[in-house]
């Protein structure tokens, strides 16, 4: 179910988020979203991208060291 298809929730009409939405002139009586229907899947995806980010950072740092070592080896070999 997409955000546009969510029906208004009368119990949340006086919720602070709903009051902020009305103050901003939004058409919906409350701001839909904020409650993930599948938190396990979202956490799995977050862990995957977290690991990928760490791997990429490590690869960039190690790549700098490797390029520095190769450069130093080439410079000292030509002297």
PDB file of N, CA and C in Angstrom:
ATOM      1  N   UNK A   1       0.842  -1.172   0.000  1.00  0.00           N
ATOM      2  CA  UNK A   1       0.000   0.000   0.000  1.00  0.00           C
ATOM      3  C   UNK A   1       0.888   1.235   0.000  1.00  0.00           C
ATOM      4  N   UNK A   2       0.685   2.106  -0.953  1.00  0.00           N
ATOM      5  CA  UNK A   2       1.521   3.293  -1.036  1.00  0.00           C
ATOM      6  C   UNK A   2       1.024   4.361  -0.067  1.00  0.00           C
ATOM      7  N   UNK A   3       1.825   5.390   0.094  1.00  0.00           N
ATOM      8  CA  UNK A   3       1.497   6.462   1.026  1.00  0.00           C
ATOM      9  C   UNK A   3       0.213   7.167   0.613  1.00  0.00           C
ATOM     10  N   UNK A   4      -0.004   7.331  -0.688  1.00  0.00           N
ATOM     11  CA  UNK A   4      -1.181   8.025  -1.163  1.00  0.00           C
ATOM     12  C   UNK A   4      -2.459   7.265  -0.842  1.00  0.00           C
ATOM     13  N   UNK A   5      -2.388   5.950  -0.677  1.00  0.00           N
ATOM     14  CA  UNK A   5      -3.574   5.131  -0.468  1.00  0.00           C
ATOM     15  C   UNK A   5      -3.931   4.966   1.005  1.00  0.00           C
ATOM     16  N   UNK A   6      -3.136   5.502   1.914  1.00  0.00           N
ATOM     17  CA  UNK A   6      -3.435   5.339   3.324  1.00  0.00           C
ATOM     18  C   UNK A   6      -4.638   6.177   3.718  1.00  0.00           C
ATOM     19  N   UNK A   7      -5.606   5.564   4.402  1.00  0.00           N
ATOM     20  CA  UNK A   7      -6.761   6.349   4.842  1.00  0.00           C
ATOM     21  C   UNK A   7      -6.397   7.174   6.073  1.00  0.00           C
ATOM     22  N   UNK A   8      -7.098   8.287   6.297  1.00  0.00           N
ATOM     23  CA  UNK A   8      -6.819   9.073   7.500  1.00  0.00           C
ATOM     24  C   UNK A   8      -7.160   8.282   8.757  1.00  0.00           C
ATOM     25  N   UNK A   9      -6.411   8.505   9.783  1.00  0.00           N
ATOM     26  CA  UNK A   9      -6.610   7.808  11.051  1.00  0.00           C
ATOM     27  C   UNK A   9      -7.203   8.793  12.061  1.00  0.00           C
ATOM     28  N   UNK A  10      -8.477   8.637  12.408  1.00  0.00           N
ATOM     29  CA  UNK A  10      -9.099   9.608  13.316  1.00  0.00           C
ATOM     30  C   UNK A  10      -8.451   9.629  14.698  1.00  0.00           C
ATOM     31  N   UNK A  11      -7.859   8.530  15.117  1.00  0.00           N
ATOM     32  CA  UNK A  11      -7.222   8.490  16.440  1.00  0.00           C
ATOM     33  C   UNK A  11      -5.963   9.349  16.474  1.00  0.00           C
ATOM     34  N   UNK A  12      -5.390   9.606  15.342  1.00  0.00           N
ATOM     35  CA  UNK A  12      -4.150  10.385  15.285  1.00  0.00           C
ATOM     36  C   UNK A  12      -4.372  11.836  14.879  1.00  0.00           C
ATOM     37  N   UNK A  13      -5.623  12.269  14.851  1.00  0.00           N
ATOM     38  CA  UNK A  13      -5.907  13.631  14.402  1.00  0.00           C
ATOM     39  C   UNK A  13      -5.238  14.665  15.302  1.00  0.00           C
ATOM     40  N   UNK A  14      -5.205  14.435  16.595  1.00  0.00           N
ATOM     41  CA  UNK A  14      -4.606  15.383  17.534  1.00  0.00           C
ATOM     42  C   UNK A  14      -3.146  15.090  17.827  1.00  0.00           C
ATOM     43  N   UNK A  15      -2.579  14.176  17.104  1.00  0.00           N
ATOM     44  CA  UNK A  15      -1.169  13.844  17.253  1.00  0.00           C
ATOM     45  C   UNK A  15      -0.318  15.066  16.877  1.00  0.00           C
ATOM     46  N   UNK A  16       0.839  15.269  17.521  1.00  0.00           N
ATOM     47  CA  UNK A  16       1.683  16.427  17.164  1.00  0.00           C
ATOM     48  C   UNK A  16       2.060  16.468  15.691  1.00  0.00           C
ATOM     49  N   UNK A  17       2.285  15.322  15.085  1.00  0.00           N
ATOM     50  CA  UNK A  17       2.616  15.294  13.661  1.00  0.00           C
ATOM     51  C   UNK A  17       1.448  15.785  12.826  1.00  0.00           C
ATOM     52  N   UNK A  18       0.212  15.415  13.228  1.00  0.00           N
ATOM     53  CA  UNK A  18      -0.971  15.862  12.492  1.00  0.00           C
ATOM     54  C   UNK A  18      -1.163  17.364  12.641  1.00  0.00           C
ATOM     55  N   UNK A  19      -0.911  17.869  13.826  1.00  0.00           N
ATOM     56  CA  UNK A  19      -1.036  19.315  14.041  1.00  0.00           C
ATOM     57  C   UNK A  19      -0.018  20.076  13.201  1.00  0.00           C
ATOM     58  N   UNK A  20       1.202  19.560  13.119  1.00  0.00           N
ATOM     59  CA  UNK A  20       2.224  20.203  12.295  1.00  0.00           C
ATOM     60  C   UNK A  20       1.840  20.161  10.818  1.00  0.00           C
ATOM     61  N   UNK A  21       1.264  19.050  10.386  1.00  0.00           N
ATOM     62  CA  UNK A  21       0.854  18.929   8.988  1.00  0.00           C
ATOM     63  C   UNK A  21      -0.243  19.937   8.671  1.00  0.00           C
ATOM     64  N   UNK A  22      -1.223  20.062   9.550  1.00  0.00           N
ATOM     65  CA  UNK A  22      -2.292  21.032   9.319  1.00  0.00           C
ATOM     66  C   UNK A  22      -1.758  22.456   9.362  1.00  0.00           C
ATOM     67  N   UNK A  23      -0.795  22.724  10.244  1.00  0.00           N
ATOM     68  CA  UNK A  23      -0.220  24.068  10.335  1.00  0.00           C
ATOM     69  C   UNK A  23       0.517  24.436   9.049  1.00  0.00           C
ATOM     70  N   UNK A  24       1.056  23.443   8.360  1.00  0.00           N
ATOM     71  CA  UNK A  24       1.764  23.691   7.097  1.00  0.00           C
ATOM     72  C   UNK A  24       0.823  23.718   5.911  1.00  0.00           C
ATOM     73  N   UNK A  25      -0.443  23.468   6.153  1.00  0.00           N
ATOM     74  CA  UNK A  25      -1.424  23.509   5.079  1.00  0.00           C
ATOM     75  C   UNK A  25      -1.446  22.269   4.213  1.00  0.00           C
ATOM     76  N   UNK A  26      -0.999  21.149   4.742  1.00  0.00           N
ATOM     77  CA  UNK A  26      -1.018  19.915   3.959  1.00  0.00           C
ATOM     78  C   UNK A  26      -2.440  19.387   3.860  1.00  0.00           C
ATOM     79  N   UNK A  27      -2.726  18.676   2.779  1.00  0.00           N
ATOM     80  CA  UNK A  27      -4.070  18.163   2.569  1.00  0.00           C
ATOM     81  C   UNK A  27      -4.407  17.017   3.516  1.00  0.00           C
ATOM     82  N   UNK A  28      -3.445  16.206   3.844  1.00  0.00           N
ATOM     83  CA  UNK A  28      -3.698  15.066   4.718  1.00  0.00           C
ATOM     84  C   UNK A  28      -3.849  15.548   6.152  1.00  0.00           C
ATOM     85  N   UNK A  29      -4.727  14.900   6.927  1.00  0.00           N
ATOM     86  CA  UNK A  29      -4.893  15.320   8.312  1.00  0.00           C
ATOM     87  C   UNK A  29      -3.695  14.968   9.193  1.00  0.00           C
ATOM     88  N   UNK A  30      -2.801  14.162   8.682  1.00  0.00           N
ATOM     89  CA  UNK A  30      -1.570  13.831   9.396  1.00  0.00           C
ATOM     90  C   UNK A  30      -0.506  13.484   8.374  1.00  0.00           C
ATOM     91  N   UNK A  31       0.729  13.482   8.792  1.00  0.00           N
ATOM     92  CA  UNK A  31       1.821  13.136   7.892  1.00  0.00           C
ATOM     93  C   UNK A  31       1.938  11.620   7.875  1.00  0.00           C
ATOM     94  N   UNK A  32       1.619  10.959   6.753  1.00  0.00           N
ATOM     95  CA  UNK A  32       1.708   9.506   6.720  1.00  0.00           C
ATOM     96  C   UNK A  32       3.155   9.047   6.726  1.00  0.00           C
ATOM     97  N   UNK A  33       3.363   7.879   7.230  1.00  0.00           N
ATOM     98  CA  UNK A  33       4.696   7.292   7.247  1.00  0.00           C
ATOM     99  C   UNK A  33       5.321   7.352   8.618  1.00  0.00           C
ATOM    100  N   UNK A  34       6.554   6.916   8.701  1.00  0.00           N
ATOM    101  CA  UNK A  34       7.267   6.931   9.957  1.00  0.00           C
ATOM    102  C   UNK A  34       7.187   5.626  10.708  1.00  0.00           C
ATOM    103  N   UNK A  35       6.311   4.765  10.291  1.00  0.00           N
ATOM    104  CA  UNK A  35       6.199   3.457  10.930  1.00  0.00           C
ATOM    105  C   UNK A  35       6.434   2.397   9.868  1.00  0.00           C
ATOM    106  N   UNK A  36       7.567   1.768   9.929  1.00  0.00           N
ATOM    107  CA  UNK A  36       7.948   0.787   8.926  1.00  0.00           C
ATOM    108  C   UNK A  36       7.140  -0.495   9.140  1.00  0.00           C
ATOM    109  N   UNK A  37       6.435  -0.959   8.109  1.00  0.00           N
ATOM    110  CA  UNK A  37       5.662  -2.188   8.273  1.00  0.00           C
ATOM    111  C   UNK A  37       6.539  -3.435   8.347  1.00  0.00           C
ATOM    112  N   UNK A  38       7.765  -3.372   7.851  1.00  0.00           N
ATOM    113  CA  UNK A  38       8.670  -4.524   7.885  1.00  0.00           C
ATOM    114  C   UNK A  38      10.021  -4.085   8.445  1.00  0.00           C
ATOM    115  N   UNK A  39      10.126  -3.890   9.761  1.00  0.00           N
ATOM    116  CA  UNK A  39      11.400  -3.399  10.313  1.00  0.00           C
ATOM    117  C   UNK A  39      12.556  -4.387  10.152  1.00  0.00           C
ATOM    118  N   UNK A  40      12.241  -5.685  10.119  1.00  0.00           N
ATOM    119  CA  UNK A  40      13.322  -6.678   9.970  1.00  0.00           C
ATOM    120  C   UNK A  40      13.988  -6.537   8.612  1.00  0.00           C
ATOM    121  N   UNK A  41      13.182  -6.362   7.572  1.00  0.00           N
ATOM    122  CA  UNK A  41      13.740  -6.208   6.226  1.00  0.00           C
ATOM    123  C   UNK A  41      14.548  -4.921   6.123  1.00  0.00           C
ATOM    124  N   UNK A  42      14.045  -3.860   6.739  1.00  0.00           N
ATOM    125  CA  UNK A  42      14.769  -2.586   6.709  1.00  0.00           C
ATOM    126  C   UNK A  42      16.093  -2.694   7.464  1.00  0.00           C
ATOM    127  N   UNK A  43      16.093  -3.396   8.587  1.00  0.00           N
ATOM    128  CA  UNK A  43      17.338  -3.560   9.353  1.00  0.00           C
ATOM    129  C   UNK A  43      18.334  -4.418   8.583  1.00  0.00           C
ATOM    130  N   UNK A  44      17.835  -5.440   7.878  1.00  0.00           N
ATOM    131  CA  UNK A  44      18.719  -6.271   7.054  1.00  0.00           C
ATOM    132  C   UNK A  44      19.368  -5.422   5.969  1.00  0.00           C
ATOM    133  N   UNK A  45      18.567  -4.582   5.328  1.00  0.00           N
ATOM    134  CA  UNK A  45      19.093  -3.712   4.277  1.00  0.00           C
ATOM    135  C   UNK A  45      20.091  -2.708   4.851  1.00  0.00           C
ATOM    136  N   UNK A  46      19.794  -2.154   6.026  1.00  0.00           N
ATOM    137  CA  UNK A  46      20.722  -1.224   6.671  1.00  0.00           C
ATOM    138  C   UNK A  46      22.046  -1.894   6.998  1.00  0.00           C
ATOM    139  N   UNK A  47      21.995  -3.125   7.506  1.00  0.00           N
ATOM    140  CA  UNK A  47      23.236  -3.849   7.815  1.00  0.00           C
ATOM    141  C   UNK A  47      24.036  -4.109   6.547  1.00  0.00           C
ATOM    142  N   UNK A  48      23.344  -4.483   5.463  1.00  0.00           N
ATOM    143  CA  UNK A  48      24.031  -4.739   4.193  1.00  0.00           C
ATOM    144  C   UNK A  48      24.761  -3.491   3.722  1.00  0.00           C
ATOM    145  N   UNK A  49      24.051  -2.355   3.694  1.00  0.00           N
ATOM    146  CA  UNK A  49      24.676  -1.124   3.210  1.00  0.00           C
ATOM    147  C   UNK A  49      25.727  -0.603   4.186  1.00  0.00           C
ATOM    148  N   UNK A  50      25.565  -0.878   5.475  1.00  0.00           N
ATOM    149  CA  UNK A  50      26.598  -0.508   6.438  1.00  0.00           C
ATOM    150  C   UNK A  50      27.884  -1.276   6.188  1.00  0.00           C
ATOM    151  N   UNK A  51      27.741  -2.573   5.961  1.00  0.00           N
ATOM    152  CA  UNK A  51      28.924  -3.392   5.655  1.00  0.00           C
ATOM    153  C   UNK A  51      29.568  -2.948   4.344  1.00  0.00           C
ATOM    154  N   UNK A  52      28.730  -2.668   3.357  1.00  0.00           N
ATOM    155  CA  UNK A  52      29.252  -2.218   2.067  1.00  0.00           C
ATOM    156  C   UNK A  52      30.014  -0.903   2.223  1.00  0.00           C
ATOM    157  N   UNK A  53      29.497   0.005   3.026  1.00  0.00           N
ATOM    158  CA  UNK A  53      30.174   1.275   3.268  1.00  0.00           C
ATOM    159  C   UNK A  53      31.527   1.057   3.932  1.00  0.00           C
ATOM    160  N   UNK A  54      31.577   0.189   4.928  1.00  0.00           N
ATOM    161  CA  UNK A  54      32.843  -0.095   5.618  1.00  0.00           C
ATOM    162  C   UNK A  54      33.848  -0.721   4.654  1.00  0.00           C
ATOM    163  N   UNK A  55      33.383  -1.653   3.836  1.00  0.00           N
ATOM    164  CA  UNK A  55      34.269  -2.306   2.864  1.00  0.00           C
ATOM    165  C   UNK A  55      34.815  -1.270   1.874  1.00  0.00           C
ATOM    166  N   UNK A  56      33.962  -0.361   1.421  1.00  0.00           N
ATOM    167  CA  UNK A  56      34.408   0.655   0.465  1.00  0.00           C
ATOM    168  C   UNK A  56      35.432   1.601   1.092  1.00  0.00           C
ATOM    169  N   UNK A  57      35.207   2.001   2.334  1.00  0.00           N
ATOM    170  CA  UNK A  57      36.156   2.890   3.013  1.00  0.00           C
ATOM    171  C   UNK A  57      37.496   2.195   3.184  1.00  0.00           C
ATOM    172  N   UNK A  58      37.472   0.938   3.620  1.00  0.00           N
ATOM    173  CA  UNK A  58      38.712   0.179   3.797  1.00  0.00           C
ATOM    174  C   UNK A  58      39.426   0.017   2.459  1.00  0.00           C
ATOM    175  N   UNK A  59      38.669  -0.257   1.394  1.00  0.00           N
ATOM    176  CA  UNK A  59      39.284  -0.430   0.073  1.00  0.00           C
ATOM    177  C   UNK A  59      39.941   0.867  -0.403  1.00  0.00           C
ATOM    178  N   UNK A  60      39.299   1.999  -0.154  1.00  0.00           N
ATOM    179  CA  UNK A  60      39.885   3.282  -0.573  1.00  0.00           C
ATOM    180  C   UNK A  60      41.168   3.565   0.201  1.00  0.00           C
ATOM    181  N   UNK A  61      41.142   3.313   1.508  1.00  0.00           N
ATOM    182  CA  UNK A  61      42.334   3.562   2.326  1.00  0.00           C
ATOM    183  C   UNK A  61      43.467   2.626   1.928  1.00  0.00           C
ATOM    184  N   UNK A  62      43.155   1.339   1.787  1.00  0.00           N
ATOM    185  CA  UNK A  62      44.187   0.383   1.390  1.00  0.00           C
ATOM    186  C   UNK A  62      44.693   0.682  -0.022  1.00  0.00           C
ATOM    187  N   UNK A  63      43.798   1.123  -0.905  1.00  0.00           N
ATOM    188  CA  UNK A  63      44.218   1.478  -2.261  1.00  0.00           C
ATOM    189  C   UNK A  63      45.226   2.619  -2.243  1.00  0.00           C
ATOM    190  N   UNK A  64      45.028   3.582  -1.344  1.00  0.00           N
ATOM    191  CA  UNK A  64      45.992   4.675  -1.216  1.00  0.00           C
ATOM    192  C   UNK A  64      47.346   4.176  -0.768  1.00  0.00           C
ATOM    193  N   UNK A  65      47.349   3.264   0.199  1.00  0.00           N
ATOM    194  CA  UNK A  65      48.622   2.697   0.649  1.00  0.00           C
ATOM    195  C   UNK A  65      49.307   1.915  -0.465  1.00  0.00           C
ATOM    196  N   UNK A  66      48.532   1.112  -1.189  1.00  0.00           N
ATOM    197  CA  UNK A  66      49.105   0.309  -2.264  1.00  0.00           C
ATOM    198  C   UNK A  66      49.681   1.209  -3.352  1.00  0.00           C
ATOM    199  N   UNK A  67      48.929   2.229  -3.741  1.00  0.00           N
ATOM    200  CA  UNK A  67      49.449   3.146  -4.759  1.00  0.00           C
ATOM    201  C   UNK A  67      50.689   3.882  -4.263  1.00  0.00           C
ATOM    202  N   UNK A  68      50.724   4.249  -2.987  1.00  0.00           N
ATOM    203  CA  UNK A  68      51.905   4.896  -2.416  1.00  0.00           C
ATOM    204  C   UNK A  68      53.106   3.980  -2.420  1.00  0.00           C
ATOM    205  N   UNK A  69      52.906   2.727  -2.091  1.00  0.00           N
ATOM    206  CA  UNK A  69      54.004   1.759  -2.087  1.00  0.00           C
ATOM    207  C   UNK A  69      54.516   1.539  -3.510  1.00  0.00           C
ATOM    208  N   UNK A  70      53.601   1.392  -4.466  1.00  0.00           N
ATOM    209  CA  UNK A  70      54.011   1.197  -5.861  1.00  0.00           C
ATOM    210  C   UNK A  70      54.766   2.425  -6.366  1.00  0.00           C
ATOM    211  N   UNK A  71      54.273   3.610  -6.053  1.00  0.00           N
ATOM    212  CA  UNK A  71      54.935   4.842  -6.484  1.00  0.00           C
ATOM    213  C   UNK A  71      56.351   4.918  -5.896  1.00  0.00           C
ATOM    214  N   UNK A  72      56.475   4.656  -4.593  1.00  0.00           N
ATOM    215  CA  UNK A  72      57.791   4.686  -3.973  1.00  0.00           C
ATOM    216  C   UNK A  72      58.725   3.635  -4.557  1.00  0.00           C
ATOM    217  N   UNK A  73      58.192   2.465  -4.868  1.00  0.00           N
ATOM    218  CA  UNK A  73      59.014   1.423  -5.475  1.00  0.00           C
ATOM    219  C   UNK A  73      59.504   1.849  -6.848  1.00  0.00           C
ATOM    220  N   UNK A  74      58.642   2.476  -7.641  1.00  0.00           N
ATOM    221  CA  UNK A  74      59.032   2.922  -8.981  1.00  0.00           C
ATOM    222  C   UNK A  74      60.007   4.077  -8.915  1.00  0.00           C
ATOM    223  N   UNK A  75      59.822   5.000  -7.994  1.00  0.00           N
ATOM    224  CA  UNK A  75      60.701   6.164  -7.888  1.00  0.00           C
ATOM    225  C   UNK A  75      62.089   5.714  -7.414  1.00  0.00           C
ATOM    226  N   UNK A  76      62.167   4.844  -6.432  1.00  0.00           N
ATOM    227  CA  UNK A  76      63.464   4.396  -5.932  1.00  0.00           C
ATOM    228  C   UNK A  76      64.154   3.472  -6.932  1.00  0.00           C
ATOM    229  N   UNK A  77      63.375   2.772  -7.779  1.00  0.00           N
ATOM    230  CA  UNK A  77      63.988   1.871  -8.759  1.00  0.00           C
ATOM    231  C   UNK A  77      64.612   2.653  -9.910  1.00  0.00           C
ATOM    232  N   UNK A  78      64.101   3.830 -10.180  1.00  0.00           N
ATOM    233  CA  UNK A  78      64.632   4.605 -11.312  1.00  0.00           C
ATOM    234  C   UNK A  78      65.814   5.474 -10.886  1.00  0.00           C
ATOM    235  N   UNK A  79      66.155   5.544  -9.636  1.00  0.00           N
ATOM    236  CA  UNK A  79      67.281   6.363  -9.185  1.00  0.00           C
ATOM    237  C   UNK A  79      68.555   5.626  -9.250  1.00  0.00           C
TER     238      UNK A  79
END
